[in-house]
Amino acid sequence: MITTEIIEMGGKQFARTISDKYYIKKVGTNEVYEEANDLYPSAYTYEETEQELPEEVVEERKKRKEE
């Protein structure tokens, strides 16, 4: 499942987009990411690929979600 949250870095807002299990691809491109951070508001959208993330990344995201 893809999720997007608004975060702040260096005084600017960013849209952080991640998937809990798969790499994500920017729609309309061939760009594939583990995590995307775009200036907010962002015109970009993402979709999951069929390529699974490394198990350690999946486990870390599960831990962060539980906190």
PDB file of N, CA and C in Angstrom:
ATOM      1  N   MET A   1       0.837  -1.174   0.000  1.00  0.00           N
ATOM      2  CA  MET A   1       0.000   0.000   0.000  1.00  0.00           C
ATOM      3  C   MET A   1       0.886   1.242   0.000  1.00  0.00           C
ATOM      4  N   ILE A   2       0.573   2.186  -0.852  1.00  0.00           N
ATOM      5  CA  ILE A   2       1.307   3.449  -0.927  1.00  0.00           C
ATOM      6  C   ILE A   2       0.725   4.437   0.073  1.00  0.00           C
ATOM      7  N   THR A   3       1.623   5.120   0.774  1.00  0.00           N
ATOM      8  CA  THR A   3       1.200   6.184   1.680  1.00  0.00           C
ATOM      9  C   THR A   3       2.024   7.434   1.403  1.00  0.00           C
ATOM     10  N   THR A   4       1.411   8.572   1.653  1.00  0.00           N
ATOM     11  CA  THR A   4       2.101   9.853   1.504  1.00  0.00           C
ATOM     12  C   THR A   4       1.882  10.651   2.777  1.00  0.00           C
ATOM     13  N   GLU A   5       2.962  11.210   3.301  1.00  0.00           N
ATOM     14  CA  GLU A   5       2.866  12.066   4.475  1.00  0.00           C
ATOM     15  C   GLU A   5       3.623  13.356   4.198  1.00  0.00           C
ATOM     16  N   ILE A   6       3.210  14.416   4.839  1.00  0.00           N
ATOM     17  CA  ILE A   6       3.875  15.709   4.698  1.00  0.00           C
ATOM     18  C   ILE A   6       4.901  15.825   5.821  1.00  0.00           C
ATOM     19  N   ILE A   7       6.149  16.075   5.436  1.00  0.00           N
ATOM     20  CA  ILE A   7       7.238  16.213   6.401  1.00  0.00           C
ATOM     21  C   ILE A   7       7.914  17.564   6.185  1.00  0.00           C
ATOM     22  N   GLU A   8       8.701  17.983   7.166  1.00  0.00           N
ATOM     23  CA  GLU A   8       9.442  19.225   7.041  1.00  0.00           C
ATOM     24  C   GLU A   8      10.929  18.941   7.149  1.00  0.00           C
ATOM     25  N   MET A   9      11.690  19.479   6.192  1.00  0.00           N
ATOM     26  CA  MET A   9      13.146  19.359   6.202  1.00  0.00           C
ATOM     27  C   MET A   9      13.727  20.700   5.793  1.00  0.00           C
ATOM     28  N   GLY A  10      14.630  21.214   6.586  1.00  0.00           N
ATOM     29  CA  GLY A  10      15.278  22.473   6.245  1.00  0.00           C
ATOM     30  C   GLY A  10      14.314  23.629   6.077  1.00  0.00           C
ATOM     31  N   GLY A  11      13.209  23.594   6.840  1.00  0.00           N
ATOM     32  CA  GLY A  11      12.244  24.671   6.774  1.00  0.00           C
ATOM     33  C   GLY A  11      11.294  24.604   5.589  1.00  0.00           C
ATOM     34  N   LYS A  12      11.362  23.531   4.808  1.00  0.00           N
ATOM     35  CA  LYS A  12      10.474  23.367   3.656  1.00  0.00           C
ATOM     36  C   LYS A  12       9.626  22.120   3.845  1.00  0.00           C
ATOM     37  N   GLN A  13       8.437  22.131   3.257  1.00  0.00           N
ATOM     38  CA  GLN A  13       7.552  20.975   3.335  1.00  0.00           C
ATOM     39  C   GLN A  13       7.766  20.064   2.124  1.00  0.00           C
ATOM     40  N   PHE A  14       7.756  18.762   2.406  1.00  0.00           N
ATOM     41  CA  PHE A  14       7.906  17.753   1.371  1.00  0.00           C
ATOM     42  C   PHE A  14       6.810  16.706   1.507  1.00  0.00           C
ATOM     43  N   ALA A  15       6.432  16.123   0.381  1.00  0.00           N
ATOM     44  CA  ALA A  15       5.523  14.980   0.377  1.00  0.00           C
ATOM     45  C   ALA A  15       6.397  13.732   0.274  1.00  0.00           C
ATOM     46  N   ARG A  16       6.404  12.919   1.334  1.00  0.00           N
ATOM     47  CA  ARG A  16       7.175  11.676   1.342  1.00  0.00           C
ATOM     48  C   ARG A  16       6.222  10.541   0.959  1.00  0.00           C
ATOM     49  N   THR A  17       6.540   9.855  -0.131  1.00  0.00           N
ATOM     50  CA  THR A  17       5.702   8.763  -0.624  1.00  0.00           C
ATOM     51  C   THR A  17       6.485   7.464  -0.540  1.00  0.00           C
ATOM     52  N   ILE A  18       5.863   6.452   0.086  1.00  0.00           N
ATOM     53  CA  ILE A  18       6.495   5.144   0.223  1.00  0.00           C
ATOM     54  C   ILE A  18       5.441   4.046   0.034  1.00  0.00           C
ATOM     55  N   SER A  19       5.928   2.854  -0.199  1.00  0.00           N
ATOM     56  CA  SER A  19       5.080   1.668  -0.191  1.00  0.00           C
ATOM     57  C   SER A  19       5.553   0.798   0.954  1.00  0.00           C
ATOM     58  N   ASP A  20       4.648   0.035   1.526  1.00  0.00           N
ATOM     59  CA  ASP A  20       5.049  -0.822   2.639  1.00  0.00           C
ATOM     60  C   ASP A  20       5.786  -2.076   2.174  1.00  0.00           C
ATOM     61  N   LYS A  21       5.708  -2.410   0.881  1.00  0.00           N
ATOM     62  CA  LYS A  21       6.294  -3.671   0.435  1.00  0.00           C
ATOM     63  C   LYS A  21       7.014  -3.617  -0.914  1.00  0.00           C
ATOM     64  N   TYR A  22       6.667  -2.652  -1.761  1.00  0.00           N
ATOM     65  CA  TYR A  22       7.194  -2.614  -3.130  1.00  0.00           C
ATOM     66  C   TYR A  22       7.892  -1.295  -3.443  1.00  0.00           C
ATOM     67  N   TYR A  23       8.764  -1.326  -4.448  1.00  0.00           N
ATOM     68  CA  TYR A  23       9.316  -0.091  -4.984  1.00  0.00           C
ATOM     69  C   TYR A  23       8.170   0.676  -5.625  1.00  0.00           C
ATOM     70  N   ILE A  24       8.334   2.006  -5.723  1.00  0.00           N
ATOM     71  CA  ILE A  24       7.309   2.832  -6.347  1.00  0.00           C
ATOM     72  C   ILE A  24       7.856   3.434  -7.640  1.00  0.00           C
ATOM     73  N   LYS A  25       6.958   3.676  -8.581  1.00  0.00           N
ATOM     74  CA  LYS A  25       7.320   4.243  -9.879  1.00  0.00           C
ATOM     75  C   LYS A  25       6.539   5.530 -10.078  1.00  0.00           C
ATOM     76  N   LYS A  26       7.242   6.593 -10.514  1.00  0.00           N
ATOM     77  CA  LYS A  26       6.573   7.858 -10.811  1.00  0.00           C
ATOM     78  C   LYS A  26       5.744   7.652 -12.075  1.00  0.00           C
ATOM     79  N   VAL A  27       4.457   7.939 -11.986  1.00  0.00           N
ATOM     80  CA  VAL A  27       3.538   7.733 -13.114  1.00  0.00           C
ATOM     81  C   VAL A  27       3.983   8.572 -14.313  1.00  0.00           C
ATOM     82  N   GLY A  28       3.998   7.938 -15.491  1.00  0.00           N
ATOM     83  CA  GLY A  28       4.376   8.615 -16.725  1.00  0.00           C
ATOM     84  C   GLY A  28       5.863   8.616 -17.005  1.00  0.00           C
ATOM     85  N   THR A  29       6.649   7.958 -16.128  1.00  0.00           N
ATOM     86  CA  THR A  29       8.102   7.884 -16.313  1.00  0.00           C
ATOM     87  C   THR A  29       8.563   6.447 -16.072  1.00  0.00           C
ATOM     88  N   ASN A  30       9.851   6.242 -16.222  1.00  0.00           N
ATOM     89  CA  ASN A  30      10.461   4.963 -15.861  1.00  0.00           C
ATOM     90  C   ASN A  30      11.241   5.086 -14.553  1.00  0.00           C
ATOM     91  N   GLU A  31      11.019   6.165 -13.816  1.00  0.00           N
ATOM     92  CA  GLU A  31      11.746   6.416 -12.577  1.00  0.00           C
ATOM     93  C   GLU A  31      11.167   5.560 -11.444  1.00  0.00           C
ATOM     94  N   VAL A  32      12.040   4.756 -10.832  1.00  0.00           N
ATOM     95  CA  VAL A  32      11.630   3.854  -9.756  1.00  0.00           C
ATOM     96  C   VAL A  32      12.393   4.226  -8.489  1.00  0.00           C
ATOM     97  N   TYR A  33      11.671   4.250  -7.364  1.00  0.00           N
ATOM     98  CA  TYR A  33      12.250   4.673  -6.097  1.00  0.00           C
ATOM     99  C   TYR A  33      11.861   3.737  -4.959  1.00  0.00           C
ATOM    100  N   GLU A  34      12.716   3.722  -3.942  1.00  0.00           N
ATOM    101  CA  GLU A  34      12.365   3.080  -2.676  1.00  0.00           C
ATOM    102  C   GLU A  34      11.479   4.035  -1.874  1.00  0.00           C
ATOM    103  N   GLU A  35      11.798   5.320  -1.989  1.00  0.00           N
ATOM    104  CA  GLU A  35      11.077   6.391  -1.297  1.00  0.00           C
ATOM    105  C   GLU A  35      11.186   7.650  -2.147  1.00  0.00           C
ATOM    106  N   ALA A  36      10.100   8.399  -2.269  1.00  0.00           N
ATOM    107  CA  ALA A  36      10.126   9.651  -3.030  1.00  0.00           C
ATOM    108  C   ALA A  36       9.826  10.816  -2.093  1.00  0.00           C
ATOM    109  N   ASN A  37      10.644  11.860  -2.187  1.00  0.00           N
ATOM    110  CA  ASN A  37      10.435  13.082  -1.414  1.00  0.00           C
ATOM    111  C   ASN A  37      10.359  14.240  -2.400  1.00  0.00           C
ATOM    112  N   ASP A  38       9.173  14.814  -2.539  1.00  0.00           N
ATOM    113  CA  ASP A  38       8.941  15.905  -3.489  1.00  0.00           C
ATOM    114  C   ASP A  38       8.498  17.142  -2.727  1.00  0.00           C
ATOM    115  N   LEU A  39       8.920  18.322  -3.212  1.00  0.00           N
ATOM    116  CA  LEU A  39       8.442  19.559  -2.603  1.00  0.00           C
ATOM    117  C   LEU A  39       6.922  19.545  -2.578  1.00  0.00           C
ATOM    118  N   TYR A  40       6.356  20.019  -1.456  1.00  0.00           N
ATOM    119  CA  TYR A  40       4.904  20.036  -1.296  1.00  0.00           C
ATOM    120  C   TYR A  40       4.378  21.426  -1.596  1.00  0.00           C
ATOM    121  N   PRO A  41       3.308  21.579  -2.329  1.00  0.00           N
ATOM    122  CA  PRO A  41       2.528  20.520  -2.953  1.00  0.00           C
ATOM    123  C   PRO A  41       3.236  19.977  -4.193  1.00  0.00           C
ATOM    124  N   SER A  42       2.961  18.735  -4.509  1.00  0.00           N
ATOM    125  CA  SER A  42       3.616  18.061  -5.620  1.00  0.00           C
ATOM    126  C   SER A  42       2.593  17.616  -6.658  1.00  0.00           C
ATOM    127  N   ALA A  43       2.974  17.717  -7.912  1.00  0.00           N
ATOM    128  CA  ALA A  43       2.098  17.270  -9.002  1.00  0.00           C
ATOM    129  C   ALA A  43       2.358  15.806  -9.355  1.00  0.00           C
ATOM    130  N   TYR A  44       3.365  15.198  -8.708  1.00  0.00           N
ATOM    131  CA  TYR A  44       3.725  13.830  -9.053  1.00  0.00           C
ATOM    132  C   TYR A  44       2.825  12.814  -8.351  1.00  0.00           C
ATOM    133  N   THR A  45       2.553  11.736  -9.045  1.00  0.00           N
ATOM    134  CA  THR A  45       1.847  10.602  -8.453  1.00  0.00           C
ATOM    135  C   THR A  45       2.680   9.352  -8.684  1.00  0.00           C
ATOM    136  N   TYR A  46       2.451   8.353  -7.847  1.00  0.00           N
ATOM    137  CA  TYR A  46       3.255   7.141  -7.874  1.00  0.00           C
ATOM    138  C   TYR A  46       2.361   5.915  -7.857  1.00  0.00           C
ATOM    139  N   GLU A  47       2.909   4.823  -8.382  1.00  0.00           N
ATOM    140  CA  GLU A  47       2.229   3.538  -8.337  1.00  0.00           C
ATOM    141  C   GLU A  47       3.235   2.482  -7.911  1.00  0.00           C
ATOM    142  N   GLU A  48       2.734   1.401  -7.316  1.00  0.00           N
ATOM    143  CA  GLU A  48       3.623   0.329  -6.893  1.00  0.00           C
ATOM    144  C   GLU A  48       4.084  -0.477  -8.098  1.00  0.00           C
ATOM    145  N   THR A  49       5.321  -0.936  -8.018  1.00  0.00           N
ATOM    146  CA  THR A  49       5.839  -1.865  -9.015  1.00  0.00           C
ATOM    147  C   THR A  49       5.590  -3.277  -8.497  1.00  0.00           C
ATOM    148  N   GLU A  50       6.021  -4.259  -9.236  1.00  0.00           N
ATOM    149  CA  GLU A  50       5.928  -5.640  -8.766  1.00  0.00           C
ATOM    150  C   GLU A  50       7.219  -6.082  -8.076  1.00  0.00           C
ATOM    151  N   GLN A  51       8.210  -5.176  -8.043  1.00  0.00           N
ATOM    152  CA  GLN A  51       9.512  -5.479  -7.443  1.00  0.00           C
ATOM    153  C   GLN A  51       9.455  -5.231  -5.943  1.00  0.00           C
ATOM    154  N   GLU A  52       9.668  -6.273  -5.168  1.00  0.00           N
ATOM    155  CA  GLU A  52       9.596  -6.150  -3.710  1.00  0.00           C
ATOM    156  C   GLU A  52      10.823  -5.434  -3.149  1.00  0.00           C
ATOM    157  N   LEU A  53      10.585  -4.675  -2.077  1.00  0.00           N
ATOM    158  CA  LEU A  53      11.673  -4.025  -1.353  1.00  0.00           C
ATOM    159  C   LEU A  53      12.484  -5.070  -0.593  1.00  0.00           C
ATOM    160  N   PRO A  54      13.745  -4.770  -0.261  1.00  0.00           N
ATOM    161  CA  PRO A  54      14.524  -5.684   0.582  1.00  0.00           C
ATOM    162  C   PRO A  54      13.816  -5.900   1.922  1.00  0.00           C
ATOM    163  N   GLU A  55      13.926  -7.079   2.476  1.00  0.00           N
ATOM    164  CA  GLU A  55      13.231  -7.444   3.710  1.00  0.00           C
ATOM    165  C   GLU A  55      13.563  -6.495   4.862  1.00  0.00           C
ATOM    166  N   GLU A  56      14.800  -6.018   4.952  1.00  0.00           N
ATOM    167  CA  GLU A  56      15.167  -5.125   6.050  1.00  0.00           C
ATOM    168  C   GLU A  56      14.435  -3.780   5.943  1.00  0.00           C
ATOM    169  N   VAL A  57      14.172  -3.321   4.736  1.00  0.00           N
ATOM    170  CA  VAL A  57      13.416  -2.079   4.546  1.00  0.00           C
ATOM    171  C   VAL A  57      11.960  -2.289   4.969  1.00  0.00           C
ATOM    172  N   VAL A  58      11.383  -3.419   4.566  1.00  0.00           N
ATOM    173  CA  VAL A  58      10.001  -3.741   4.934  1.00  0.00           C
ATOM    174  C   VAL A  58       9.863  -3.809   6.452  1.00  0.00           C
ATOM    175  N   GLU A  59      10.810  -4.472   7.124  1.00  0.00           N
ATOM    176  CA  GLU A  59      10.764  -4.592   8.586  1.00  0.00           C
ATOM    177  C   GLU A  59      10.894  -3.245   9.273  1.00  0.00           C
ATOM    178  N   GLU A  60      11.772  -2.391   8.775  1.00  0.00           N
ATOM    179  CA  GLU A  60      11.948  -1.053   9.347  1.00  0.00           C
ATOM    180  C   GLU A  60      10.665  -0.245   9.220  1.00  0.00           C
ATOM    181  N   ARG A  61      10.017  -0.343   8.085  1.00  0.00           N
ATOM    182  CA  ARG A  61       8.762   0.402   7.893  1.00  0.00           C
ATOM    183  C   ARG A  61       7.664  -0.124   8.808  1.00  0.00           C
ATOM    184  N   LYS A  62       7.641  -1.408   9.038  1.00  0.00           N
ATOM    185  CA  LYS A  62       6.671  -1.980   9.964  1.00  0.00           C
ATOM    186  C   LYS A  62       6.894  -1.437  11.374  1.00  0.00           C
ATOM    187  N   LYS A  63       8.165  -1.348  11.800  1.00  0.00           N
ATOM    188  CA  LYS A  63       8.495  -0.823  13.120  1.00  0.00           C
ATOM    189  C   LYS A  63       8.059   0.628  13.261  1.00  0.00           C
ATOM    190  N   ARG A  64       8.346   1.462  12.243  1.00  0.00           N
ATOM    191  CA  ARG A  64       7.979   2.876  12.282  1.00  0.00           C
ATOM    192  C   ARG A  64       6.457   3.041  12.347  1.00  0.00           C
ATOM    193  N   LYS A  65       5.743   2.184  11.641  1.00  0.00           N
ATOM    194  CA  LYS A  65       4.282   2.255  11.610  1.00  0.00           C
ATOM    195  C   LYS A  65       3.676   1.935  12.978  1.00  0.00           C
ATOM    196  N   GLU A  66       4.319   1.027  13.706  1.00  0.00           N
ATOM    197  CA  GLU A  66       3.822   0.610  15.023  1.00  0.00           C
ATOM    198  C   GLU A  66       4.078   1.653  16.097  1.00  0.00           C
ATOM    199  N   GLU A  67       5.026   2.553  15.873  1.00  0.00           N
ATOM    200  CA  GLU A  67       5.391   3.564  16.884  1.00  0.00           C
ATOM    201  C   GLU A  67       4.382   4.677  16.968  1.00  0.00           C
TER     202      GLU A  67
END
